Amino acid sequence: METLARETDYGPCPYLPDRLWRVQEFATRSFEPSDYEALLAAGWRRSGPVFYRDTCPGCRLCTPLRLDAERFRPSASQRRLLRVNADVQTRLCVPSFSEERYQLYRRYVRVKHGVEEAPDSIARASYSSFLLGGPLGTSAIVEYRNEEGRLLATGYIDILPEGLSSVYLAFDPDEGRRSLGTWSVLREVELARSLGKRYYYLGFWVPGASKMDYKSRFTPFEIARSGRWIPVGDRAEALAVLGTRGDSVPSPDLAEATGRP
């Protein structure tokens, strides 16, 4: 992939202070899901038609993380969340445009990320390019609705030969008590298991980053280093493998503040 990719400087790091953000990336209209799954261990991710990995100077903290759907066991607090959201129904959908899903996404990014309103035609095109379809041909949408049928959250995933890869999650900002960001991980792990998939790819874990450190709460997990997946029991063991302390930057709500890059 290095021969196809270009290096781009994007300025300050979006996760940690006093660091620069450099990305190696390429775009394509078609890509084999099995090839993409193999690239995940080397730090590649997908955003719409673009495949990218961070190549930031002096930093290797963006760490691919996945859960083994057969080994993972929710913690006591995570099991409580399953009970809190016992009324939520899950449905797997094809990645087509829906006004309802689009409006939920737009409200989510405005409230949670402070994204300024773009003209509607531009916002719709950006949403479709980012989250609908894509070059793999195996993308899907997971809808989460309450008993009255109201859409609470939407998960965007890639279905790969051996696992599900989380692309993004948008949820109703008014449903904070449900902790839908954390809960949806639990449900999508169950979905992977029900589809006969071994792994659930949760994107990058960035130790010490307020928006990304929550991913290490799902234990045990595996991290990728030098193209190889390494099983670890918890955050401390993972930090030892990475050779960093991973001091956290304070945040009021880690798990609910972000989609899943």
Protein backbone atom coordinates (compact mmCIF):
# COMPACT_ATOMS: atom_id res chain seq x y z
CA MET A 1 0.00 0.00 0.00
CA GLU A 2 2.96 2.33 0.57
CA THR A 3 3.46 2.63 -3.20
CA LEU A 4 -0.16 3.84 -3.63
CA ALA A 5 -0.36 6.14 -0.62
CA ARG A 6 0.57 9.78 -0.21
CA GLU A 7 1.71 11.52 2.96
CA THR A 8 -0.42 14.41 4.22
CA ASP A 9 0.17 16.80 7.12
CA TYR A 10 -3.05 17.72 8.91
CA GLY A 11 -1.62 20.06 11.53
CA PRO A 12 -2.16 19.55 15.29
CA CYS A 13 -3.03 16.08 16.59
CA PRO A 14 -6.79 15.75 17.26
CA TYR A 15 -6.20 13.53 20.31
CA LEU A 16 -3.14 14.69 22.25
CA PRO A 17 -1.63 18.15 22.87
CA ASP A 18 1.66 19.38 21.44
CA ARG A 19 1.83 16.76 18.72
CA LEU A 20 1.58 16.84 14.94
CA TRP A 21 -0.78 14.76 12.82
CA ARG A 22 0.59 13.13 9.68
CA VAL A 23 -1.33 10.55 7.66
CA GLN A 24 -0.49 8.11 4.90
CA GLU A 25 -3.58 7.62 2.73
CA PHE A 26 -4.97 6.41 -0.57
CA ALA A 27 -8.44 6.32 -2.13
CA THR A 28 -10.03 3.59 -4.23
CA ARG A 29 -13.45 2.67 -5.58
CA SER A 30 -13.07 -1.04 -4.86
CA PHE A 31 -11.12 -3.02 -2.29
CA GLU A 32 -11.28 -6.62 -1.11
CA PRO A 33 -12.66 -7.00 2.44
CA SER A 34 -10.10 -9.71 3.21
CA ASP A 35 -7.25 -7.42 2.15
CA TYR A 36 -8.61 -4.62 4.32
CA GLU A 37 -8.92 -6.93 7.31
CA ALA A 38 -5.26 -7.88 6.91
CA LEU A 39 -4.30 -4.19 6.79
CA LEU A 40 -6.00 -3.42 10.11
CA ALA A 41 -3.10 -4.97 12.02
CA ALA A 42 -0.73 -2.60 10.23
CA GLY A 43 -2.67 0.43 11.46
CA TRP A 44 -4.87 1.14 8.45
CA ARG A 45 -8.48 2.32 8.77
CA ARG A 46 -11.21 3.31 6.34
CA SER A 47 -13.07 6.63 6.10
CA GLY A 48 -15.46 6.61 3.16
CA PRO A 49 -13.41 5.75 0.04
CA VAL A 50 -10.13 6.69 1.77
CA PHE A 51 -7.83 4.24 3.57
CA TYR A 52 -5.39 5.82 5.98
CA ARG A 53 -2.93 5.24 8.78
CA ASP A 54 -1.17 7.66 11.09
CA THR A 55 2.54 8.23 10.53
CA CYS A 56 3.01 11.04 13.03
CA PRO A 57 6.61 12.09 13.81
CA GLY A 58 7.85 10.74 17.13
CA CYS A 59 4.56 9.07 18.10
CA ARG A 60 3.11 5.57 17.74
CA LEU A 61 0.24 5.78 20.23
CA CYS A 62 -2.63 5.24 17.74
CA THR A 63 -3.01 1.53 18.46
CA PRO A 64 -5.40 -0.79 16.60
CA LEU A 65 -7.65 -2.61 19.08
CA ARG A 66 -10.01 -5.54 18.63
CA LEU A 67 -12.14 -7.74 20.85
CA ASP A 68 -12.30 -11.51 20.59
CA ALA A 69 -16.05 -12.11 20.55
CA GLU A 70 -15.56 -15.58 22.03
CA ARG A 71 -13.35 -14.46 24.94
CA PHE A 72 -14.82 -11.08 25.80
CA ARG A 73 -16.91 -10.86 28.95
CA PRO A 74 -18.67 -7.61 29.99
CA SER A 75 -17.78 -6.10 33.35
CA ALA A 76 -20.33 -5.58 36.12
CA SER A 77 -20.99 -1.98 35.03
CA GLN A 78 -21.32 -3.06 31.41
CA ARG A 79 -23.82 -5.74 32.40
CA ARG A 80 -25.83 -3.04 34.16
CA LEU A 81 -25.92 -1.11 30.91
CA LEU A 82 -27.32 -4.16 29.15
CA ARG A 83 -30.17 -4.15 31.66
CA VAL A 84 -30.73 -0.39 31.36
CA ASN A 85 -31.10 -0.77 27.59
CA ALA A 86 -33.04 -4.02 27.60
CA ASP A 87 -35.88 -2.21 25.82
CA VAL A 88 -33.72 -1.26 22.81
CA GLN A 89 -34.19 -3.31 19.66
CA THR A 90 -31.41 -3.90 17.14
CA ARG A 91 -31.83 -4.18 13.38
CA LEU A 92 -29.21 -4.74 10.67
CA CYS A 93 -29.87 -2.62 7.55
CA VAL A 94 -28.36 -2.10 4.12
CA PRO A 95 -26.38 1.16 3.83
CA SER A 96 -29.01 3.23 2.04
CA PHE A 97 -29.88 6.87 2.64
CA SER A 98 -32.52 7.53 5.29
CA GLU A 99 -33.68 11.00 6.25
CA GLU A 100 -34.20 9.81 9.82
CA ARG A 101 -30.66 8.43 10.15
CA TYR A 102 -29.18 11.48 8.44
CA GLN A 103 -30.91 13.92 10.81
CA LEU A 104 -29.74 11.92 13.83
CA TYR A 105 -26.16 11.97 12.54
CA ARG A 106 -26.24 15.70 11.83
CA ARG A 107 -27.61 16.51 15.27
CA TYR A 108 -25.04 14.23 16.92
CA VAL A 109 -22.01 15.85 15.25
CA ARG A 110 -23.38 19.33 15.98
CA VAL A 111 -24.02 18.69 19.68
CA LYS A 112 -21.17 16.31 20.53
CA HIS A 113 -18.42 17.63 18.30
CA GLY A 114 -19.43 21.23 17.73
CA VAL A 115 -19.34 20.81 13.95
CA GLU A 116 -20.64 23.94 12.27
CA GLU A 117 -23.67 23.66 10.03
CA ALA A 118 -22.79 23.29 6.35
CA PRO A 119 -25.24 23.98 3.52
CA ASP A 120 -27.69 21.09 3.40
CA SER A 121 -26.67 19.82 -0.03
CA ILE A 122 -23.00 19.72 1.00
CA ALA A 123 -23.79 18.08 4.35
CA ARG A 124 -25.85 15.35 2.69
CA ALA A 125 -23.15 14.60 0.13
CA SER A 126 -20.49 14.48 2.85
CA TYR A 127 -22.58 12.13 4.99
CA SER A 128 -23.25 9.77 2.08
CA SER A 129 -19.60 9.69 1.01
CA PHE A 130 -18.40 9.09 4.57
CA LEU A 131 -20.87 6.46 5.79
CA LEU A 132 -22.94 4.94 3.00
CA GLY A 133 -21.63 2.21 0.76
CA GLY A 134 -17.89 2.40 0.32
CA PRO A 135 -15.27 0.45 -1.62
CA LEU A 136 -15.61 -2.84 0.30
CA GLY A 137 -19.16 -3.67 -0.77
CA THR A 138 -19.86 -5.25 2.64
CA SER A 139 -20.83 -2.24 4.74
CA ALA A 140 -23.99 -2.23 6.85
CA ILE A 141 -25.94 -0.09 9.30
CA VAL A 142 -27.11 -1.15 12.75
CA GLU A 143 -30.22 0.67 13.97
CA TYR A 144 -31.04 0.92 17.67
CA ARG A 145 -34.69 1.78 18.44
CA ASN A 146 -36.73 1.90 21.63
CA GLU A 147 -40.01 0.06 22.08
CA GLU A 148 -41.93 2.95 20.48
CA GLY A 149 -39.77 2.65 17.38
CA ARG A 150 -37.84 5.90 17.89
CA LEU A 151 -34.30 5.83 16.52
CA LEU A 152 -31.81 6.19 19.39
CA ALA A 153 -28.52 5.38 17.67
CA THR A 154 -27.03 4.27 14.40
CA GLY A 155 -23.89 2.17 14.06
CA TYR A 156 -22.01 2.04 10.78
CA ILE A 157 -19.95 -1.12 10.31
CA ASP A 158 -17.95 -3.11 7.78
CA ILE A 159 -18.62 -6.84 7.67
CA LEU A 160 -15.28 -8.57 7.07
CA PRO A 161 -14.43 -12.27 6.59
CA GLU A 162 -13.39 -12.78 10.24
CA GLY A 163 -15.00 -9.87 12.05
CA LEU A 164 -17.02 -6.68 12.19
CA SER A 165 -15.22 -3.34 12.00
CA SER A 166 -16.83 -0.31 13.63
CA VAL A 167 -16.72 2.73 11.37
CA TYR A 168 -18.81 5.26 13.29
CA LEU A 169 -21.59 5.64 15.82
CA ALA A 170 -24.12 8.47 16.08
CA PHE A 171 -26.65 8.61 18.90
CA ASP A 172 -29.32 10.88 20.36
CA PRO A 173 -27.50 13.38 22.63
CA ASP A 174 -30.58 13.53 24.89
CA GLU A 175 -30.21 9.85 25.82
CA GLY A 176 -27.14 10.28 28.02
CA ARG A 177 -28.42 8.03 30.81
CA ARG A 178 -28.27 5.07 28.45
CA SER A 179 -24.49 5.43 27.72
CA LEU A 180 -25.21 4.33 24.17
CA GLY A 181 -21.58 4.64 23.07
CA THR A 182 -20.47 1.96 25.51
CA TRP A 183 -23.61 -0.11 25.19
CA SER A 184 -23.45 -0.28 21.38
CA VAL A 185 -20.00 -1.88 21.61
CA LEU A 186 -21.50 -4.66 23.71
CA ARG A 187 -24.34 -5.15 21.24
CA GLU A 188 -22.06 -5.16 18.21
CA VAL A 189 -19.82 -7.75 19.84
CA GLU A 190 -22.94 -9.87 20.26
CA LEU A 191 -23.84 -9.18 16.63
CA ALA A 192 -20.41 -10.34 15.49
CA ARG A 193 -20.88 -13.55 17.46
CA SER A 194 -24.36 -14.12 16.00
CA LEU A 195 -22.97 -13.70 12.47
CA GLY A 196 -20.24 -16.26 13.13
CA LYS A 197 -17.47 -13.64 13.25
CA ARG A 198 -14.59 -14.04 15.69
CA TYR A 199 -13.50 -10.41 16.08
CA TYR A 200 -14.88 -6.94 16.63
CA TYR A 201 -12.52 -4.19 15.47
CA LEU A 202 -12.95 -1.06 17.56
CA GLY A 203 -10.60 1.26 15.68
CA PHE A 204 -7.71 3.08 17.32
CA TRP A 205 -7.06 3.14 21.02
CA VAL A 206 -5.00 6.19 21.99
CA PRO A 207 -3.69 5.89 25.58
CA GLY A 208 -4.05 9.17 27.42
CA ALA A 209 -6.49 10.70 24.91
CA SER A 210 -9.75 11.72 26.53
CA LYS A 211 -11.83 10.74 23.50
CA MET A 212 -10.18 7.37 22.85
CA ASP A 213 -8.93 5.87 26.10
CA TYR A 214 -12.33 4.38 26.97
CA LYS A 215 -11.76 1.54 24.52
CA SER A 216 -9.38 -0.15 26.96
CA ARG A 217 -12.32 -0.69 29.35
CA PHE A 218 -13.48 -3.63 27.22
CA THR A 219 -11.35 -6.50 28.48
CA PRO A 220 -9.64 -8.68 27.54
CA PHE A 221 -8.65 -7.20 24.20
CA GLU A 222 -5.97 -7.43 21.55
CA ILE A 223 -3.68 -4.69 20.26
CA ALA A 224 -1.69 -4.64 17.05
CA ARG A 225 2.03 -3.96 17.04
CA SER A 226 4.30 -4.31 14.01
CA GLY A 227 1.53 -6.04 12.07
CA ARG A 228 0.81 -8.63 14.76
CA TRP A 229 -2.19 -8.94 17.11
CA ILE A 230 -1.18 -9.32 20.76
CA PRO A 231 -3.70 -10.50 23.41
CA VAL A 232 -3.65 -8.49 26.66
CA GLY A 233 -5.69 -8.80 29.81
CA ASP A 234 -6.21 -5.13 30.61
CA ARG A 235 -5.04 -1.56 30.09
CA ALA A 236 -1.97 -1.90 32.33
CA GLU A 237 -0.73 -4.94 30.44
CA ALA A 238 -1.32 -3.18 27.12
CA LEU A 239 0.64 -0.11 28.27
CA ALA A 240 3.54 -2.37 29.23
CA VAL A 241 3.53 -3.83 25.71
CA LEU A 242 3.46 -0.33 24.21
CA GLY A 243 6.13 0.95 26.60
CA THR A 244 4.17 3.99 27.75
CA ARG A 245 2.49 5.20 30.94
CA GLY A 246 -0.58 6.43 29.06
CA ASP A 247 -1.49 9.25 31.46
CA SER A 248 -5.02 10.39 30.69
CA VAL A 249 -6.07 13.88 29.75
CA PRO A 250 -9.15 14.73 31.89
CA SER A 251 -12.53 14.55 30.20
CA PRO A 252 -16.06 14.67 31.64
CA ASP A 253 -17.33 11.74 29.60
CA LEU A 254 -14.83 9.60 27.74
CA ALA A 255 -16.95 6.95 26.11
CA GLU A 256 -19.77 9.19 24.96
CA ALA A 257 -17.74 11.99 23.39
CA THR A 258 -16.77 10.45 20.08
CA GLY A 259 -17.57 8.29 17.12
CA ARG A 260 -15.04 5.53 16.53
CA PRO A 261 -12.11 6.45 14.27
